[in-house]
Amino acid sequence: MIAQDVPGATAAAGRRGILASERKLLLAAGDSVLVATSLIIAFNLRSGPIQHAALTIPWAGVAIATGLWLGAALMVDAYDLHQAVSVRGIFRVVAITVTLETIALLVVFFAVPYGVTRPTILIWVPVAAITVLCWRLFYRRVFARAIFAGRILLVADADIVDRVWSEVDEQMAGLYRVVGTIHPADPDAGTRLASTAAMHDADQIVLGADEDLPTDLFQGLVDCYDRGMVVRSVADVYEELTGRLLVERLRQAWLLSLQQRGETSRVYALFKRVVDIVAGMIGLVLLGILLPFVWVAIKLEDRGPIFHRQVRVGHFGKQFEIVKLRTMRVPTTEELHWTAEDDARITKVGAVLRRLHLDEMPQAWNILRGDMSVVGPRPEQPQYVEALRESIPYYNTRLSVRPGLTGWAQVNYGYAGDVGGSTIKLSYDLYYIKRQSVALDLLIMARTVFAVATLKGR
């Protein structure tokens, strides 16, 4: 619900709501403290009386358990703020994360014995599960209330409210609430902006107008900034809440922001290349182990070739050939259409390979060669690229980074069976291009590992 503005107030902005980034840090900090405390309790209940009379803190064990928890939580998207306010989402996240953590702890402490015995871990499981679950429910009960939500004064016309803000509004539960609106074309919009924001106690001004603003409206925005309010664009809020870029609102500010990010950083480029080399070598070793079994299965089913070769468009439009384990029947004619999730062309062996994500393993060679990276937009066939260039604005921009085996669009959206789906995937790819970093790459890899382990995504 959008409240109407009431002109005439002059009070300065007061307290502000909790930002989305602060909420994620709050959840992670709470999880970490409780996981560590649970291990200390379990360790002392099991081992403390035997070794020491006083409280004992197994520092290495605490560090390992906390690190593994955060890694498992990232895999299952435990810090997604929409799941954090859903009871079903809370139970799901805690159950899966505890299960993954338990398996990891048993493996780690079996391989590297450290005084944290399996009985200790078994005590830790219910203690951690209960305490973290209570913390998550407490967060939902307290921090998801409107009192902690950011208060937005929206400066936008009816078209932006109807076409863009309606989608943003679906993602705002407990995070933000709109306390007033001002139409940017109103003659007095600039002069009453600051007073209206103060009247509604707004802490953020969200601008949904063109970059060429009237002087008085720009001055009003500066006045709000000077009073301690955050000034943001609609596109920025959309990006934060959806993990996508608002393609239709891309302007020169977006283009200029790309120059200071991504592979212009030598450290980041070195990190990506090291990960690519290590992952490529591991992938080729695993492929060598599995290849004889796959060859037998494919030959028994249809006696066709084991590999399937395709030309794809890579970095800056350079074409290269990828090799995949064949998962579809050999075409009798030149068939060219989008691949669907339940495509009739998929063979029985191919269905298994795709389900286990094994068909992509030969691309480890492309990663070692430098044609691809582990993380990046998925490469498409030239004919699709040409068609999509003509249909989707800025589609060519996804070629400005090296294509990947997995990517932000893959872990968030999956298959695109038409131009509409490709447009949505492009919005995720552009988000990645703008924000690519070591942290985002690690998040994508963690989610990909979870998808592969749980047979999801294909």
Protein backbone atom coordinates (compact mmCIF):
# COMPACT_ATOMS: atom_id res chain seq x y z
CA MET A 1 0.00 0.00 0.00
CA ILE A 2 1.37 3.46 -0.96
CA ALA A 3 0.54 6.30 1.38
CA GLN A 4 -0.13 9.74 -0.09
CA ASP A 5 2.21 12.61 0.75
CA VAL A 6 1.27 15.40 3.09
CA PRO A 7 3.13 18.66 2.34
CA GLY A 8 4.27 21.20 4.88
CA ALA A 9 6.56 19.40 7.29
CA THR A 10 10.14 20.54 7.89
CA ALA A 11 11.53 18.10 10.44
CA ALA A 12 14.74 16.36 9.55
CA ALA A 13 14.85 12.64 8.91
CA GLY A 14 15.20 10.57 12.07
CA ARG A 15 16.03 6.93 12.54
CA ARG A 16 16.35 4.68 9.52
CA GLY A 17 15.31 1.10 8.89
CA ILE A 18 17.65 -1.88 8.70
CA LEU A 19 19.27 -2.23 5.28
CA ALA A 20 19.12 -5.52 3.41
CA SER A 21 22.89 -5.99 3.71
CA GLU A 22 22.68 -5.35 7.46
CA ARG A 23 19.90 -7.93 7.79
CA LYS A 24 22.01 -10.58 6.07
CA LEU A 25 24.96 -9.79 8.33
CA LEU A 26 22.65 -9.97 11.36
CA LEU A 27 21.38 -13.41 10.33
CA ALA A 28 24.90 -14.69 9.62
CA ALA A 29 26.23 -13.30 12.91
CA GLY A 30 23.40 -14.89 14.89
CA ASP A 31 23.92 -18.23 13.18
CA SER A 32 27.67 -18.13 13.78
CA VAL A 33 27.39 -17.33 17.47
CA LEU A 34 24.81 -20.07 18.09
CA VAL A 35 26.64 -22.71 16.05
CA ALA A 36 29.87 -21.98 17.92
CA THR A 37 28.11 -21.92 21.30
CA SER A 38 26.36 -25.20 20.53
CA LEU A 39 29.67 -26.89 19.76
CA ILE A 40 31.21 -25.58 22.99
CA ILE A 41 28.23 -26.91 24.96
CA ALA A 42 28.35 -30.29 23.21
CA PHE A 43 32.12 -30.58 23.64
CA ASN A 44 31.95 -29.86 27.37
CA LEU A 45 28.97 -32.15 27.95
CA ARG A 46 30.85 -35.01 26.27
CA SER A 47 34.55 -34.32 26.81
CA GLY A 48 34.87 -31.53 29.37
CA PRO A 49 34.36 -33.58 32.56
CA ILE A 50 36.94 -36.10 31.36
CA GLN A 51 39.67 -33.62 30.42
CA HIS A 52 39.13 -30.52 32.56
CA ALA A 53 36.95 -29.39 35.42
CA ALA A 54 36.50 -25.91 33.96
CA LEU A 55 34.82 -24.82 30.73
CA THR A 56 36.87 -25.81 27.69
CA ILE A 57 36.67 -24.08 24.33
CA PRO A 58 37.92 -26.15 21.36
CA TRP A 59 38.97 -23.15 19.28
CA ALA A 60 39.94 -25.06 16.15
CA GLY A 61 36.73 -27.09 16.29
CA VAL A 62 34.66 -23.92 16.73
CA ALA A 63 36.34 -22.27 13.74
CA ILE A 64 35.83 -25.34 11.55
CA ALA A 65 32.19 -25.79 12.57
CA THR A 66 31.38 -22.11 12.03
CA GLY A 67 33.13 -21.99 8.65
CA LEU A 68 31.38 -25.14 7.46
CA TRP A 69 28.02 -23.77 8.60
CA LEU A 70 28.44 -20.54 6.66
CA GLY A 71 29.50 -22.51 3.58
CA ALA A 72 26.51 -24.84 3.84
CA ALA A 73 24.19 -21.89 4.48
CA LEU A 74 25.39 -20.18 1.31
CA MET A 75 24.75 -23.36 -0.67
CA VAL A 76 21.10 -23.50 0.40
CA ASP A 77 20.60 -19.73 0.11
CA ALA A 78 19.98 -19.44 3.85
CA TYR A 79 20.48 -15.68 3.83
CA ASP A 80 17.78 -14.99 1.30
CA LEU A 81 15.66 -12.43 3.12
CA HIS A 82 12.40 -13.70 1.66
CA GLN A 83 12.98 -17.16 3.11
CA ALA A 84 13.93 -15.54 6.42
CA VAL A 85 10.35 -14.31 6.91
CA SER A 86 8.65 -17.56 5.85
CA VAL A 87 8.05 -20.22 8.50
CA ARG A 88 8.28 -22.98 5.91
CA GLY A 89 11.45 -21.43 4.50
CA ILE A 90 13.00 -21.19 7.98
CA PHE A 91 12.37 -24.86 8.80
CA ARG A 92 13.65 -25.92 5.36
CA VAL A 93 16.84 -23.86 5.57
CA VAL A 94 17.71 -24.96 9.10
CA ALA A 95 17.01 -28.65 8.41
CA ILE A 96 19.09 -28.79 5.22
CA THR A 97 21.95 -26.72 6.63
CA VAL A 98 22.18 -28.83 9.80
CA THR A 99 22.18 -32.01 7.69
CA LEU A 100 24.97 -30.75 5.40
CA GLU A 101 26.95 -29.47 8.39
CA THR A 102 26.65 -32.82 10.21
CA ILE A 103 27.92 -34.75 7.20
CA ALA A 104 30.79 -32.31 6.73
CA LEU A 105 31.79 -32.44 10.41
CA LEU A 106 31.79 -36.23 10.46
CA VAL A 107 34.01 -36.27 7.36
CA VAL A 108 36.39 -33.58 8.63
CA PHE A 109 36.87 -34.94 12.14
CA PHE A 110 37.14 -38.51 10.88
CA ALA A 111 39.90 -37.51 8.46
CA VAL A 112 41.62 -35.15 10.91
CA PRO A 113 40.99 -36.37 14.47
CA TYR A 114 40.79 -33.44 16.82
CA GLY A 115 39.14 -34.29 20.16
CA VAL A 116 35.72 -33.47 18.71
CA THR A 117 34.36 -36.99 18.62
CA ARG A 118 31.37 -38.32 16.76
CA PRO A 119 29.31 -38.51 20.00
CA THR A 120 30.11 -34.81 20.52
CA ILE A 121 28.81 -34.04 17.04
CA LEU A 122 25.66 -36.03 17.71
CA ILE A 123 25.05 -33.86 20.80
CA TRP A 124 25.78 -30.73 18.75
CA VAL A 125 23.14 -31.56 16.12
CA PRO A 126 19.97 -31.09 18.23
CA VAL A 127 21.46 -28.22 20.23
CA ALA A 128 22.44 -26.29 17.10
CA ALA A 129 19.22 -27.11 15.27
CA ILE A 130 17.00 -25.92 18.13
CA THR A 131 18.96 -22.76 18.94
CA VAL A 132 19.33 -21.64 15.32
CA LEU A 133 15.67 -22.42 14.63
CA CYS A 134 14.62 -20.32 17.62
CA TRP A 135 16.90 -17.49 16.48
CA ARG A 136 15.44 -17.55 12.96
CA LEU A 137 11.88 -17.52 14.30
CA PHE A 138 12.83 -14.67 16.65
CA TYR A 139 14.22 -12.72 13.68
CA ARG A 140 10.99 -13.27 11.76
CA ARG A 141 8.90 -12.20 14.74
CA VAL A 142 10.91 -9.10 15.63
CA PHE A 143 13.11 -7.80 12.81
CA ALA A 144 10.62 -8.42 9.99
CA ARG A 145 8.13 -6.03 11.57
CA ALA A 146 7.30 -2.73 9.91
CA ILE A 147 9.09 -0.77 12.65
CA PHE A 148 12.45 -2.02 11.31
CA ALA A 149 11.54 -1.62 7.63
CA GLY A 150 13.10 1.13 5.56
CA ARG A 151 10.68 3.97 4.83
CA ILE A 152 10.69 5.00 1.18
CA LEU A 153 9.48 8.21 -0.41
CA LEU A 154 8.97 7.31 -4.06
CA VAL A 155 9.58 9.97 -6.69
CA ALA A 156 8.08 8.40 -9.81
CA ASP A 157 5.28 8.78 -12.32
CA ALA A 158 2.29 6.46 -12.63
CA ASP A 159 3.93 4.47 -15.44
CA ILE A 160 6.91 3.49 -13.24
CA VAL A 161 4.61 2.64 -10.34
CA ASP A 162 2.46 0.38 -12.51
CA ARG A 163 5.15 -1.35 -14.61
CA VAL A 164 8.16 -1.55 -12.31
CA TRP A 165 7.21 -0.88 -8.73
CA SER A 166 4.46 -3.50 -8.73
CA GLU A 167 7.16 -6.16 -9.23
CA VAL A 168 9.40 -4.61 -6.57
CA ASP A 169 6.49 -4.42 -4.13
CA GLU A 170 6.14 -8.21 -4.20
CA GLN A 171 9.71 -8.56 -2.87
CA MET A 172 9.54 -5.94 -0.11
CA ALA A 173 7.83 -7.86 2.72
CA GLY A 174 9.40 -6.73 5.99
CA LEU A 175 12.25 -4.90 4.20
CA TYR A 176 10.80 -1.61 2.99
CA ARG A 177 7.49 0.22 2.94
CA VAL A 178 6.46 3.17 0.80
CA VAL A 179 5.27 6.09 2.93
CA GLY A 180 4.59 8.61 0.18
CA THR A 181 4.83 9.44 -3.52
CA ILE A 182 5.70 12.55 -5.48
CA HIS A 183 5.25 12.91 -9.22
CA PRO A 184 8.53 14.24 -10.69
CA ALA A 185 6.66 16.34 -13.26
CA ASP A 186 4.78 18.36 -10.60
CA PRO A 187 5.87 22.03 -10.72
CA ASP A 188 6.60 22.15 -6.99
CA ALA A 189 8.09 18.61 -6.71
CA GLY A 190 11.58 19.88 -5.89
CA THR A 191 10.52 22.49 -3.33
CA ARG A 192 8.33 20.14 -1.29
CA LEU A 193 10.47 17.00 -1.57
CA ALA A 194 12.46 17.49 1.63
CA SER A 195 9.47 18.60 3.71
CA THR A 196 7.35 15.68 2.48
CA ALA A 197 10.14 13.22 3.32
CA ALA A 198 10.43 14.72 6.82
CA MET A 199 6.65 14.64 7.31
CA HIS A 200 6.58 10.89 6.62
CA ASP A 201 9.84 10.23 8.47
CA ALA A 202 11.29 8.73 5.28
CA ASP A 203 14.88 7.49 5.40
CA GLN A 204 15.24 6.72 1.68
CA ILE A 205 14.32 8.65 -1.46
CA VAL A 206 13.82 6.32 -4.43
CA LEU A 207 13.94 8.07 -7.78
CA GLY A 208 12.13 6.62 -10.77
CA ALA A 209 12.75 9.46 -13.23
CA ASP A 210 15.09 10.17 -16.14
CA GLU A 211 18.67 11.14 -15.38
CA ASP A 212 18.11 14.66 -16.79
CA LEU A 213 16.25 16.13 -13.81
CA PRO A 214 14.87 19.65 -13.42
CA THR A 215 17.23 21.81 -11.39
CA ASP A 216 14.78 22.29 -8.51
CA LEU A 217 14.11 18.54 -8.22
CA PHE A 218 17.83 17.79 -8.22
CA GLN A 219 18.34 20.42 -5.53
CA GLY A 220 15.54 18.80 -3.51
CA LEU A 221 17.33 15.46 -3.72
CA VAL A 222 20.57 17.08 -2.56
CA ASP A 223 18.71 18.66 0.40
CA CYS A 224 17.38 15.23 1.38
CA TYR A 225 20.88 13.76 1.16
CA ASP A 226 22.21 16.60 3.33
CA ARG A 227 19.62 15.71 5.97
CA GLY A 228 20.91 12.14 6.23
CA MET A 229 18.53 10.38 3.84
CA VAL A 230 19.68 7.76 1.34
CA VAL A 231 18.98 8.72 -2.29
CA ARG A 232 18.64 5.74 -4.66
CA SER A 233 17.20 4.89 -8.04
CA VAL A 234 14.31 2.54 -8.72
CA ALA A 235 16.74 0.40 -10.71
CA ASP A 236 19.02 0.10 -7.66
CA VAL A 237 16.20 -1.08 -5.38
CA TYR A 238 14.98 -3.47 -8.08
CA GLU A 239 18.50 -4.86 -8.41
CA GLU A 240 18.85 -5.36 -4.66
CA LEU A 241 15.54 -7.15 -4.21
CA THR A 242 15.46 -9.33 -7.34
CA GLY A 243 19.13 -10.03 -8.10
CA ARG A 244 18.51 -8.77 -11.64
CA LEU A 245 19.12 -5.58 -13.56
CA LEU A 246 16.16 -3.55 -14.73
CA VAL A 247 17.11 -3.74 -18.40
CA GLU A 248 14.57 -1.17 -19.58
CA ARG A 249 15.99 1.44 -17.18
CA LEU A 250 19.67 1.07 -18.10
CA ARG A 251 21.29 4.45 -18.68
CA GLN A 252 24.79 5.91 -18.91
CA ALA A 253 25.38 5.54 -15.15
CA TRP A 254 25.17 1.75 -15.54
CA LEU A 255 27.66 1.77 -18.40
CA LEU A 256 30.13 3.92 -16.48
CA SER A 257 29.88 1.63 -13.45
CA LEU A 258 31.12 -1.32 -15.51
CA GLN A 259 34.54 0.28 -16.09
CA GLN A 260 35.56 -0.06 -12.44
CA ARG A 261 34.47 -3.66 -11.87
CA GLY A 262 35.04 -7.22 -13.00
CA GLU A 263 38.14 -8.36 -14.79
CA THR A 264 39.70 -4.89 -14.76
CA SER A 265 40.94 -6.07 -11.33
CA ARG A 266 44.11 -8.11 -11.77
CA VAL A 267 43.63 -9.81 -8.42
CA TYR A 268 40.14 -10.94 -9.40
CA ALA A 269 41.33 -12.08 -12.83
CA LEU A 270 44.13 -14.10 -11.17
CA PHE A 271 41.63 -15.67 -8.75
CA LYS A 272 39.36 -16.69 -11.61
CA ARG A 273 42.20 -18.19 -13.61
CA VAL A 274 43.54 -20.20 -10.65
CA VAL A 275 40.04 -21.55 -9.97
CA ASP A 276 39.63 -22.38 -13.67
CA ILE A 277 42.92 -24.31 -13.84
CA VAL A 278 42.24 -26.29 -10.67
CA ALA A 279 38.62 -27.05 -11.62
CA GLY A 280 39.60 -27.93 -15.19
CA MET A 281 42.22 -30.44 -14.06
CA ILE A 282 39.88 -32.04 -11.55
CA GLY A 283 37.13 -32.21 -14.18
CA LEU A 284 39.38 -33.98 -16.70
CA VAL A 285 40.50 -36.54 -14.10
CA LEU A 286 36.89 -37.32 -13.18
CA LEU A 287 35.94 -37.48 -16.86
CA GLY A 288 38.70 -40.03 -17.49
CA ILE A 289 37.32 -42.22 -14.70
CA LEU A 290 33.68 -42.04 -15.85
CA LEU A 291 34.19 -42.10 -19.61
CA PRO A 292 34.42 -45.92 -20.10
CA PHE A 293 31.12 -46.47 -18.26
CA VAL A 294 29.37 -43.68 -20.17
CA TRP A 295 30.72 -45.02 -23.49
CA VAL A 296 29.29 -48.49 -22.78
CA ALA A 297 25.88 -47.09 -21.75
CA ILE A 298 25.57 -44.89 -24.84
CA LYS A 299 26.63 -47.64 -27.22
CA LEU A 300 24.16 -50.09 -25.68
CA GLU A 301 21.27 -47.66 -26.12
CA ASP A 302 21.62 -46.37 -29.69
CA ARG A 303 25.19 -47.04 -30.90
CA GLY A 304 25.59 -43.34 -31.65
CA PRO A 305 28.64 -41.14 -30.97
CA ILE A 306 29.60 -40.51 -27.35
CA PHE A 307 30.43 -36.84 -27.84
CA HIS A 308 28.43 -33.95 -29.23
CA ARG A 309 30.25 -30.90 -30.60
CA GLN A 310 28.79 -27.44 -30.92
CA VAL A 311 30.06 -24.02 -31.88
CA ARG A 312 29.41 -21.38 -29.23
CA VAL A 313 29.98 -17.64 -29.01
CA GLY A 314 32.50 -16.64 -26.36
CA HIS A 315 34.40 -13.65 -25.04
CA PHE A 316 33.94 -10.55 -27.25
CA GLY A 317 32.07 -12.66 -29.81
CA LYS A 318 34.92 -15.09 -30.53
CA GLN A 319 33.55 -18.47 -31.58
CA PHE A 320 34.86 -21.72 -30.16
CA GLU A 321 33.85 -25.38 -30.10
CA ILE A 322 32.60 -27.08 -26.97
CA VAL A 323 32.37 -30.82 -26.43
CA LYS A 324 29.57 -32.41 -24.40
CA LEU A 325 28.60 -35.98 -23.68
CA ARG A 326 25.76 -36.64 -26.10
CA THR A 327 22.41 -36.68 -24.35
CA MET A 328 20.04 -36.41 -27.35
CA ARG A 329 19.29 -38.65 -30.26
CA VAL A 330 21.35 -38.11 -33.40
CA PRO A 331 19.27 -35.76 -35.63
CA THR A 332 18.29 -37.02 -39.06
CA THR A 333 17.90 -33.45 -40.35
CA GLU A 334 19.19 -30.04 -39.37
CA GLU A 335 17.07 -29.52 -36.27
CA LEU A 336 17.38 -26.16 -34.54
CA HIS A 337 15.07 -25.16 -31.76
CA TRP A 338 15.21 -24.32 -28.09
CA THR A 339 16.01 -27.11 -25.65
CA ALA A 340 13.19 -27.73 -23.16
CA GLU A 341 13.46 -29.34 -19.73
CA ASP A 342 11.54 -32.44 -20.90
CA ASP A 343 12.78 -32.37 -24.47
CA ALA A 344 11.59 -35.39 -26.49
CA ARG A 345 15.02 -35.66 -28.12
CA ILE A 346 16.72 -36.62 -24.85
CA THR A 347 17.77 -40.29 -24.67
CA LYS A 348 17.41 -42.48 -21.58
CA VAL A 349 21.14 -42.39 -20.89
CA GLY A 350 21.11 -38.68 -21.69
CA ALA A 351 18.40 -38.05 -19.10
CA VAL A 352 20.62 -39.63 -16.43
CA LEU A 353 23.68 -37.69 -17.56
CA ARG A 354 21.77 -34.42 -17.54
CA ARG A 355 20.21 -35.15 -14.18
CA LEU A 356 23.67 -35.73 -12.71
CA HIS A 357 25.14 -32.79 -14.72
CA LEU A 358 27.77 -35.16 -16.14
CA ASP A 359 27.19 -34.14 -19.76
CA GLU A 360 29.03 -30.86 -19.16
CA MET A 361 32.23 -32.47 -17.88
CA PRO A 362 34.15 -32.42 -21.21
CA GLN A 363 33.96 -28.62 -21.03
CA ALA A 364 36.73 -28.86 -18.43
CA TRP A 365 39.03 -28.82 -21.47
CA ASN A 366 37.49 -25.54 -22.67
CA ILE A 367 38.03 -24.11 -19.19
CA LEU A 368 41.71 -25.13 -19.19
CA ARG A 369 42.17 -23.66 -22.67
CA GLY A 370 40.68 -20.35 -21.56
CA ASP A 371 37.65 -20.47 -23.85
CA MET A 372 35.44 -20.56 -20.78
CA SER A 373 35.57 -19.92 -17.05
CA VAL A 374 33.94 -21.85 -14.23
CA VAL A 375 31.59 -18.91 -13.57
CA GLY A 376 30.10 -16.66 -16.23
CA PRO A 377 27.12 -16.34 -18.60
CA ARG A 378 26.43 -19.59 -20.44
CA PRO A 379 27.69 -19.50 -24.06
CA GLU A 380 25.03 -19.75 -26.76
CA GLN A 381 25.11 -21.00 -30.35
CA PRO A 382 25.84 -18.32 -33.01
CA GLN A 383 22.42 -18.52 -34.65
CA TYR A 384 20.68 -17.96 -31.32
CA VAL A 385 23.00 -15.07 -30.49
CA GLU A 386 22.21 -13.34 -33.78
CA ALA A 387 18.46 -13.76 -33.27
CA LEU A 388 18.59 -12.55 -29.66
CA ARG A 389 20.77 -9.55 -30.53
CA GLU A 390 17.99 -8.32 -32.79
CA SER A 391 15.24 -8.95 -30.23
CA ILE A 392 16.78 -7.97 -26.89
CA PRO A 393 18.51 -4.65 -26.11
CA TYR A 394 22.05 -4.89 -24.69
CA TYR A 395 22.21 -8.65 -25.34
CA ASN A 396 25.69 -8.25 -26.78
CA THR A 397 26.97 -6.96 -23.40
CA ARG A 398 26.93 -10.50 -21.96
CA LEU A 399 29.80 -11.27 -24.35
CA SER A 400 32.02 -8.72 -22.57
CA VAL A 401 33.02 -11.38 -20.01
CA ARG A 402 34.25 -14.91 -20.48
CA PRO A 403 31.38 -17.44 -20.66
CA GLY A 404 31.05 -19.95 -17.85
CA LEU A 405 30.13 -23.50 -16.98
CA THR A 406 27.68 -22.09 -14.46
CA GLY A 407 26.45 -18.59 -13.76
CA TRP A 408 24.15 -16.27 -11.84
CA ALA A 409 21.35 -16.82 -14.37
CA GLN A 410 21.71 -20.61 -14.12
CA VAL A 411 21.41 -20.77 -10.34
CA ASN A 412 18.49 -18.33 -10.26
CA TYR A 413 16.46 -19.09 -13.39
CA GLY A 414 17.56 -22.17 -15.33
CA TYR A 415 16.34 -22.86 -18.85
CA ALA A 416 15.19 -20.16 -21.26
CA GLY A 417 12.92 -21.60 -23.92
CA ASP A 418 12.08 -18.38 -25.78
CA VAL A 419 12.96 -14.72 -26.18
CA GLY A 420 11.08 -13.80 -23.00
CA GLY A 421 13.09 -16.28 -20.94
CA SER A 422 16.31 -15.11 -22.55
CA THR A 423 15.46 -11.53 -21.60
CA ILE A 424 15.07 -12.55 -17.96
CA LYS A 425 18.34 -14.49 -18.09
CA LEU A 426 20.04 -11.44 -19.60
CA SER A 427 18.91 -9.35 -16.63
CA TYR A 428 20.66 -11.85 -14.32
CA ASP A 429 23.77 -11.92 -16.54
CA LEU A 430 24.01 -8.13 -16.54
CA TYR A 431 23.69 -8.16 -12.75
CA TYR A 432 26.65 -10.54 -12.63
CA ILE A 433 28.69 -8.44 -15.07
CA LYS A 434 28.12 -5.34 -12.95
CA ARG A 435 28.77 -6.99 -9.59
CA GLN A 436 31.18 -9.82 -10.41
CA SER A 437 33.58 -10.44 -7.56
CA VAL A 438 35.27 -13.23 -5.65
CA ALA A 439 32.37 -13.33 -3.17
CA LEU A 440 29.71 -13.58 -5.89
CA ASP A 441 31.68 -16.27 -7.74
CA LEU A 442 31.99 -18.31 -4.54
CA LEU A 443 28.25 -17.94 -3.92
CA ILE A 444 27.44 -19.15 -7.45
CA MET A 445 29.80 -22.12 -7.11
CA ALA A 446 28.32 -23.03 -3.73
CA ARG A 447 24.77 -22.96 -5.10
CA THR A 448 25.86 -24.98 -8.13
CA VAL A 449 27.42 -27.68 -5.92
CA PHE A 450 24.18 -27.88 -3.94
CA ALA A 451 22.09 -28.11 -7.13
CA VAL A 452 24.29 -30.91 -8.47
CA ALA A 453 24.30 -32.78 -5.15
CA THR A 454 20.50 -32.61 -4.88
CA LEU A 455 19.90 -33.36 -8.59
CA LYS A 456 18.22 -30.02 -9.15
CA GLY A 457 18.28 -27.63 -12.03
CA ARG A 458 17.86 -29.91 -15.06
